[in-house]
Protein backbone atom coordinates (compact mmCIF):
# COMPACT_ATOMS: atom_id res chain seq x y z
CA MET A 1 0.00 0.03 0.03
CA ARG A 2 2.88 2.37 0.77
CA THR A 3 4.14 1.82 -2.85
CA ILE A 4 0.76 2.77 -4.40
CA LYS A 5 0.47 5.91 -2.33
CA HIS A 6 3.81 7.10 -3.66
CA ILE A 7 3.16 6.17 -7.25
CA ILE A 8 -0.20 7.94 -7.62
CA PRO A 9 1.17 11.52 -6.73
CA PHE A 10 3.96 11.01 -9.23
CA PHE A 11 1.62 10.37 -12.06
CA VAL A 12 -0.69 13.27 -11.08
CA ILE A 13 2.30 15.66 -11.16
CA LEU A 14 3.54 14.21 -14.47
CA PHE A 15 0.03 14.72 -15.95
CA PHE A 16 -0.20 18.28 -14.66
CA PHE A 17 3.08 19.35 -16.30
CA ASN A 18 2.38 17.57 -19.62
CA GLY A 19 -1.29 18.79 -19.76
CA CYS A 20 -0.25 22.43 -19.29
CA THR A 21 2.52 22.56 -21.92
CA LYS A 22 1.94 24.84 -25.00
CA ASP A 23 3.93 24.89 -28.17
CA ASP A 24 3.42 28.68 -28.62
CA VAL A 25 4.77 31.21 -26.11
CA GLU A 26 2.42 34.12 -25.57
CA GLY A 27 3.65 37.61 -24.41
CA PRO A 28 7.16 38.80 -23.82
CA SER A 29 9.90 36.36 -22.78
CA ILE A 30 11.37 36.15 -19.35
CA THR A 31 14.57 37.73 -20.69
CA ASP A 32 12.68 40.67 -22.04
CA LEU A 33 10.82 41.26 -18.85
CA TYR A 34 13.48 40.50 -16.13
CA GLY A 35 16.80 39.82 -17.92
CA THR A 36 19.82 42.12 -17.58
CA PHE A 37 20.23 44.36 -20.61
CA SER A 38 23.41 44.07 -22.76
CA ILE A 39 24.65 45.16 -26.17
CA THR A 40 25.33 42.21 -28.45
CA ASP A 41 26.42 44.07 -31.56
CA ALA A 42 28.30 47.40 -31.27
CA PHE A 43 26.59 50.71 -32.38
CA LEU A 44 27.66 51.41 -35.88
CA LEU A 45 27.19 54.27 -38.28
CA VAL A 46 27.59 53.67 -41.96
CA ASN A 47 28.67 56.85 -43.80
CA LYS A 48 29.85 59.33 -41.18
CA THR A 49 30.45 62.10 -43.73
CA PRO A 50 27.24 62.33 -45.67
CA ASP A 51 26.43 64.73 -48.42
CA PHE A 52 22.64 64.84 -48.25
CA SER A 53 22.40 67.27 -51.05
CA SER A 54 23.64 64.48 -53.34
CA GLY A 55 21.28 61.91 -51.98
CA ASP A 56 23.52 60.29 -49.35
CA ILE A 57 22.03 58.44 -46.39
CA VAL A 58 23.38 57.40 -42.99
CA LYS A 59 22.59 53.80 -41.81
CA PHE A 60 22.55 52.63 -38.23
CA ASN A 61 23.22 49.20 -36.80
CA CYS A 62 23.18 47.83 -33.25
CA GLY A 63 21.94 44.58 -31.51
CA PHE A 64 20.76 43.86 -28.00
CA ASN A 65 20.04 40.67 -25.99
CA LYS A 66 16.29 41.54 -25.56
CA THR A 67 13.53 43.50 -27.21
CA ILE A 68 13.50 47.13 -25.89
CA ASP A 69 12.40 50.71 -26.68
CA TRP A 70 15.34 52.58 -28.18
CA LYS A 71 15.90 56.09 -29.61
CA ILE A 72 18.61 57.56 -31.83
CA THR A 73 19.00 61.35 -31.35
CA ILE A 74 21.09 63.34 -33.76
CA THR A 75 21.87 66.97 -32.77
CA GLY A 76 23.56 69.59 -34.95
CA LEU A 77 26.24 71.40 -32.90
CA GLN A 78 25.88 74.57 -34.94
CA SER A 79 22.12 74.63 -35.91
CA ASN A 80 20.82 72.94 -32.81
CA SER A 81 18.59 70.96 -35.12
CA ILE A 82 17.32 67.63 -33.75
CA LYS A 83 16.34 64.40 -35.50
CA GLU A 84 14.90 61.48 -33.52
CA ILE A 85 14.47 57.88 -34.78
CA SER A 86 12.92 55.36 -32.40
CA GLY A 87 11.78 51.78 -32.41
CA PHE A 88 10.98 48.69 -30.35
CA SER A 89 13.18 45.66 -31.20
CA ASN A 90 16.24 43.72 -30.30
CA LEU A 91 18.03 44.94 -33.47
CA ILE A 92 18.69 48.25 -35.27
CA ASP A 93 18.97 46.99 -38.86
CA SER A 94 21.11 49.18 -41.14
CA ASN A 95 18.92 48.03 -44.11
CA ILE A 96 15.85 49.57 -42.32
CA VAL A 97 16.94 52.33 -39.98
CA THR A 98 18.42 55.21 -42.04
CA TRP A 99 18.59 58.99 -42.09
CA THR A 100 18.38 61.29 -45.09
CA GLY A 101 19.42 64.56 -43.32
CA ASN A 102 15.93 65.68 -42.44
CA THR A 103 14.91 67.18 -39.21
CA SER A 104 12.18 66.43 -36.62
CA GLN A 105 11.77 70.10 -35.85
CA LEU A 106 13.12 73.40 -37.14
CA PRO A 107 15.77 74.77 -37.64
CA PHE A 108 17.24 72.62 -40.47
CA PHE A 109 20.57 70.81 -40.21
CA GLU A 110 23.42 72.72 -41.78
CA ILE A 111 26.96 71.79 -43.03
CA GLU A 112 28.08 70.88 -39.52
CA ASN A 113 29.27 68.35 -37.03
CA CYS A 114 26.64 66.31 -35.14
CA VAL A 115 26.43 64.27 -31.98
CA VAL A 116 24.63 60.94 -32.25
CA GLU A 117 23.26 59.21 -29.09
CA LEU A 118 21.48 55.84 -28.76
CA THR A 119 19.44 55.58 -25.55
CA PHE A 120 17.11 52.94 -24.11
CA LEU A 121 13.94 53.14 -22.03
CA ASN A 122 14.50 52.36 -18.37
CA GLU A 123 18.17 51.58 -18.98
CA SER A 124 21.15 53.84 -18.05
CA ASP A 125 23.22 52.84 -21.16
CA THR A 126 23.95 55.63 -23.63
CA LEU A 127 25.91 54.87 -26.76
CA ARG A 128 27.56 57.84 -28.48
CA ASP A 129 29.18 58.70 -31.85
CA THR A 130 29.69 61.69 -34.20
CA LEU A 131 29.20 62.46 -37.80
CA ASN A 132 30.05 65.39 -40.12
CA ILE A 133 27.40 66.76 -42.66
CA ILE A 134 29.35 67.92 -45.74
CA GLY A 135 26.18 68.75 -47.75
CA SER A 136 22.80 69.58 -46.23
CA ASN A 137 19.38 68.22 -47.31
CA THR A 138 17.73 70.51 -49.83
CA TYR A 139 14.22 69.12 -49.31
CA GLN A 140 13.40 68.89 -52.95
CA ASP A 141 12.34 65.24 -52.98
CA GLY A 142 8.82 65.93 -54.24
CA ILE A 143 7.09 68.26 -56.66
CA LEU A 144 8.51 71.73 -55.94
CA VAL A 145 5.94 74.42 -56.50
CA ALA A 146 7.93 77.41 -55.43
CA ASP A 147 11.22 78.12 -53.53
CA PHE A 148 11.51 81.69 -54.83
CA GLU A 149 15.25 81.31 -55.48
CA ASN A 150 14.81 82.64 -59.03
CA GLY A 151 11.90 84.96 -58.29
CA LEU A 152 8.29 84.03 -58.84
CA PRO A 153 7.31 80.89 -60.71
CA LEU A 154 6.25 81.28 -64.37
CA ASP A 155 2.65 82.55 -64.73
CA ALA A 156 2.34 83.50 -61.10
CA LEU A 157 -0.09 86.23 -60.23
CA VAL A 158 0.25 88.58 -57.12
CA SER A 159 -2.44 90.86 -55.90
CA TRP A 160 -3.21 92.86 -52.75
CA THR A 161 -5.91 95.03 -51.32
CA PRO A 162 -6.02 98.61 -52.61
CA ASN A 163 -4.39 101.32 -50.36
CA ILE A 164 -2.48 98.63 -48.26
CA GLY A 165 0.05 100.16 -45.88
CA PHE A 166 3.61 98.78 -45.53
CA ARG A 167 2.97 96.31 -48.30
CA THR A 168 5.48 93.45 -48.41
CA PHE A 169 4.24 91.29 -51.28
CA ASP A 170 7.62 90.68 -52.84
CA ILE A 171 10.73 88.40 -52.95
CA SER A 172 13.14 89.02 -50.08
CA ASN A 173 16.33 87.34 -48.85
CA ASP A 174 16.82 88.67 -45.30
CA ASP A 175 15.41 85.55 -43.40
CA PRO A 176 14.61 82.61 -45.74
CA LEU A 177 13.59 79.22 -44.54
CA LEU A 178 15.70 77.49 -47.08
CA GLY A 179 18.20 78.72 -49.73
CA ASN A 180 18.56 82.46 -50.12
CA SER A 181 15.11 83.75 -50.81
CA TYR A 182 11.53 83.71 -49.70
CA PHE A 183 8.14 85.48 -50.40
CA LYS A 184 7.14 88.26 -48.02
CA MET A 185 3.38 88.47 -47.80
CA GLY A 186 1.78 91.09 -45.50
CA GLY A 187 1.12 94.66 -44.62
CA LYS A 188 -1.38 96.82 -42.84
CA VAL A 189 -5.09 96.77 -43.64
CA ASN A 190 -7.32 97.91 -40.73
CA TRP A 191 -10.65 97.88 -42.49
CA ASP A 192 -11.04 94.46 -44.21
CA TRP A 193 -10.14 90.76 -44.07
CA PRO A 194 -8.18 90.27 -47.27
CA ILE A 195 -4.56 91.45 -47.37
CA GLY A 196 -3.34 89.82 -50.61
CA LYS A 197 -2.76 86.63 -52.47
CA LEU A 198 -0.42 84.63 -54.64
CA ASP A 199 -1.90 82.45 -57.49
CA LEU A 200 0.27 79.66 -58.99
CA LYS A 201 -0.44 77.63 -62.09
CA LEU A 202 0.07 73.79 -61.81
CA ASN A 203 0.06 70.70 -63.94
CA LEU A 204 0.13 67.50 -61.86
CA SER A 205 -1.24 65.06 -64.46
CA SER A 206 1.53 62.52 -63.70
CA ILE A 207 0.37 62.03 -60.08
CA THR A 208 -1.07 58.51 -59.29
CA VAL A 209 -1.62 58.51 -55.50
CA PRO A 210 -5.00 59.32 -53.98
CA ALA A 211 -5.78 62.48 -52.01
CA GLU A 212 -5.07 60.71 -48.63
CA GLU A 213 -1.41 60.16 -49.73
CA PHE A 214 -0.83 63.53 -51.47
CA TYR A 215 0.62 66.22 -49.16
CA ILE A 216 1.06 70.00 -49.48
CA ASN A 217 3.94 71.24 -47.45
CA ILE A 218 4.60 75.01 -46.92
CA GLY A 219 6.90 77.02 -44.77
CA ILE A 220 5.20 79.97 -43.03
CA LEU A 221 6.83 82.81 -41.08
CA SER A 222 4.86 84.78 -38.56
CA ASP A 223 5.61 87.97 -36.51
CA SER A 224 8.53 87.67 -34.15
CA ILE A 225 6.99 90.37 -31.90
CA ASP A 226 3.57 92.01 -31.42
CA ILE A 227 1.64 89.30 -33.31
CA HIS A 228 -1.50 90.34 -35.12
CA THR A 229 -4.64 88.68 -33.55
CA GLY A 230 -6.65 86.61 -35.89
CA GLN A 231 -4.21 86.55 -38.89
CA PHE A 232 -4.32 83.48 -41.12
CA ILE A 233 -3.55 82.00 -44.46
CA ASN A 234 -6.25 80.54 -46.73
CA ILE A 235 -5.04 77.98 -49.17
CA MET A 236 -7.26 77.07 -52.11
CA ILE A 237 -6.63 74.15 -54.52
CA SER A 238 -8.49 74.13 -57.81
CA GLU A 239 -9.33 71.35 -60.09
CA SER A 240 -11.06 73.65 -62.58
CA THR A 241 -10.49 72.92 -66.27
CA LEU A 242 -10.89 76.56 -67.21
CA PRO A 243 -7.75 78.63 -68.48
CA PHE A 244 -5.69 79.78 -65.58
CA ASN A 245 -5.77 83.47 -66.57
CA ASP A 246 -8.37 84.01 -69.24
CA ASP A 247 -10.08 87.19 -68.05
CA LEU A 248 -7.49 89.94 -68.18
CA THR A 249 -9.67 92.48 -66.37
CA PRO A 250 -7.63 93.83 -63.47
CA ASN A 251 -9.06 94.20 -59.94
CA GLN A 252 -9.40 97.47 -58.05
CA ALA A 253 -5.65 97.54 -57.26
CA GLY A 254 -4.81 97.05 -60.89
CA HIS A 255 -3.89 93.39 -60.58
CA GLN A 256 -4.95 90.34 -62.44
CA LEU A 257 -6.28 87.23 -60.66
CA ALA A 258 -6.41 83.60 -61.69
CA ASP A 259 -9.77 82.57 -63.03
CA ILE A 260 -10.00 79.06 -61.47
CA PHE A 261 -10.83 79.82 -57.87
CA ASP A 262 -14.43 81.01 -58.16
CA ALA A 263 -17.37 79.54 -56.17
CA THR A 264 -18.62 77.92 -59.35
CA ASP A 265 -15.45 75.89 -59.87
CA GLU A 266 -14.22 72.69 -58.22
CA VAL A 267 -12.14 74.34 -55.48
CA TYR A 268 -11.10 73.05 -52.07
CA LYS A 269 -9.89 75.17 -49.18
CA MET A 270 -8.06 75.09 -45.88
CA LYS A 271 -7.80 77.91 -43.25
CA ILE A 272 -4.49 78.00 -41.30
CA PRO A 273 -4.39 80.31 -38.32
CA VAL A 274 -0.85 81.93 -38.03
CA ASP A 275 -0.32 82.46 -34.27
CA TRP A 276 3.33 81.53 -33.63
CA HIS A 277 6.71 83.19 -33.81
CA GLY A 278 9.31 82.36 -36.54
CA TRP A 279 9.29 79.69 -39.27
CA ARG A 280 7.24 76.49 -39.29
CA ILE A 281 6.75 73.91 -41.97
CA LEU A 282 3.11 72.76 -42.07
CA SER A 283 1.99 69.66 -43.98
CA PHE A 284 -1.54 68.55 -44.90
CA PRO A 285 -2.92 65.71 -46.91
CA TYR A 286 -5.07 66.85 -49.78
CA SER A 287 -7.92 64.80 -48.26
CA ASP A 288 -8.13 67.30 -45.36
CA PHE A 289 -9.24 70.17 -47.59
CA GLU A 290 -12.87 71.18 -47.64
CA GLU A 291 -15.11 72.06 -50.51
CA LEU A 292 -15.21 75.86 -51.13
CA SER A 293 -18.77 75.84 -52.15
CA PRO A 294 -20.45 72.52 -51.31
CA GLY A 295 -23.79 73.57 -52.76
CA ALA A 296 -22.40 75.01 -56.07
CA SER A 297 -24.72 74.11 -58.96
CA GLY A 298 -23.32 71.72 -61.48
CA VAL A 299 -20.02 71.23 -59.69
CA ILE A 300 -18.95 67.63 -59.05
CA PHE A 301 -16.47 67.44 -56.03
CA ASN A 302 -14.25 64.44 -56.49
CA LYS A 303 -10.76 65.18 -55.19
CA ASN A 304 -8.06 63.78 -57.54
CA PRO A 305 -4.52 65.14 -57.22
CA LYS A 306 -3.69 64.61 -60.90
CA ASN A 307 -6.47 67.12 -61.75
CA ILE A 308 -5.06 70.00 -59.71
CA SER A 309 -4.67 72.99 -61.95
CA GLY A 310 -3.64 75.81 -59.48
CA ILE A 311 -3.08 76.81 -55.90
CA ARG A 312 -3.94 80.14 -54.25
CA ILE A 313 -2.23 81.29 -51.01
CA ALA A 314 -4.15 84.12 -49.53
CA CYS A 315 -2.99 86.37 -46.56
CA GLN A 316 -5.93 87.51 -44.40
CA ALA A 317 -6.44 88.95 -40.94
CA CYS A 318 -9.14 90.11 -38.51
CA PRO A 319 -10.04 93.76 -39.27
CA SER A 320 -9.63 96.41 -36.50
CA ALA A 321 -11.62 99.30 -37.93
CA GLY A 322 -14.43 100.22 -40.24
CA ALA A 323 -17.71 98.33 -40.85
CA ASN A 324 -16.05 94.88 -40.36
CA VAL A 325 -14.33 95.66 -37.05
CA ASN A 326 -13.86 92.45 -35.15
CA CYS A 327 -10.41 92.83 -33.53
CA PRO A 328 -9.99 96.47 -32.41
CA GLU A 329 -6.77 95.44 -30.63
CA ASN A 330 -5.15 95.01 -34.04
CA LEU A 331 -5.31 98.71 -34.99
CA ASP A 332 -2.29 99.74 -36.95
CA LYS A 333 -0.53 96.39 -36.43
CA LEU A 334 1.22 94.78 -39.31
CA VAL A 335 0.22 91.41 -40.70
CA ARG A 336 3.01 88.99 -41.46
CA THR A 337 2.42 85.67 -43.12
CA ASP A 338 5.53 85.17 -45.20
CA ILE A 339 5.97 81.83 -47.18
CA ASP A 340 8.77 79.67 -48.55
CA HIS A 341 9.40 76.24 -50.02
CA ILE A 342 5.93 75.10 -51.21
CA ILE A 343 6.27 71.51 -52.20
CA PHE A 344 3.94 68.54 -52.77
CA THR A 345 5.08 65.12 -51.52
CA GLU A 346 3.62 61.67 -52.00
CA ASN A 347 2.91 59.01 -49.30
CA SER A 348 4.31 61.15 -46.41
CA ALA A 349 4.76 64.76 -45.21
CA LEU A 350 8.08 66.52 -46.08
CA LEU A 351 9.50 66.10 -42.55
CA GLY A 352 8.01 62.65 -42.12
CA ASN A 353 10.33 61.02 -44.68
């Protein structure tokens, strides 16, 4: 009897372990949860003297003994620009993790030395290296609409409100976002919303991506001091098939306007409040734009990037006097919504590449 009593518990225990065994492991491994972190492959940079203006890339490689949150931070020692690349894995694969010289936030990287740091969530380890940019990214990987380096684009039309004070609708080079030139767009108009506009002719018939994957990117510079309350930019995108500038009749200020942005055309709009200091690059998928006149008779609204025929960038602000007074605090303040580097990109925003 003593032998049977000892044999039965043994089979029960054996059955318990065999019955609870699974072929598939669910959730993180014991090593990932509780194991001591270590580097299995050294942190390596491939191409430490990149010329991004010629299309160079920097590749990163490193291996760890467990899956972990990691972050690569690149800091320009002259520009103070920062680029962050992050992931969750046990390997930073040089075939996947690369850098084209773009930034995560302005300012842009320059021709300069950079510090590179690799850090890990909840770990004290920090791996460091350096690289030297010998040619900076020109951010022209897309369909460049206007960078103003050689003046205004062909067929561009500029107009502004009559009797505008301190008008700045012109090319300037004192504070560009990229390159040497940008377009200043502002002035003083106390009595009305419109300040002025820039119309640009486009032909995007080669585009094949849908509206959700087609981005407009634009650099906008606002006041550095004494910002004008309620200033904004209106962007209009037209898919009209009419001639860009068929009606040569000038407006009240003696300027011509493009003829493809009327309420009776297939036009889409976006209002961008400008309420910050300095340059920013803003990016929007075309799918985010709204119909200018949803109830327009005979107009079929069906966004298709390849049908875009023109873009209008209009500077406007909340009036401070006259019949339309809405913002009396703006009296005699200057409006400033300067622009630079207007470019369309496919599949991702300009700074998201």
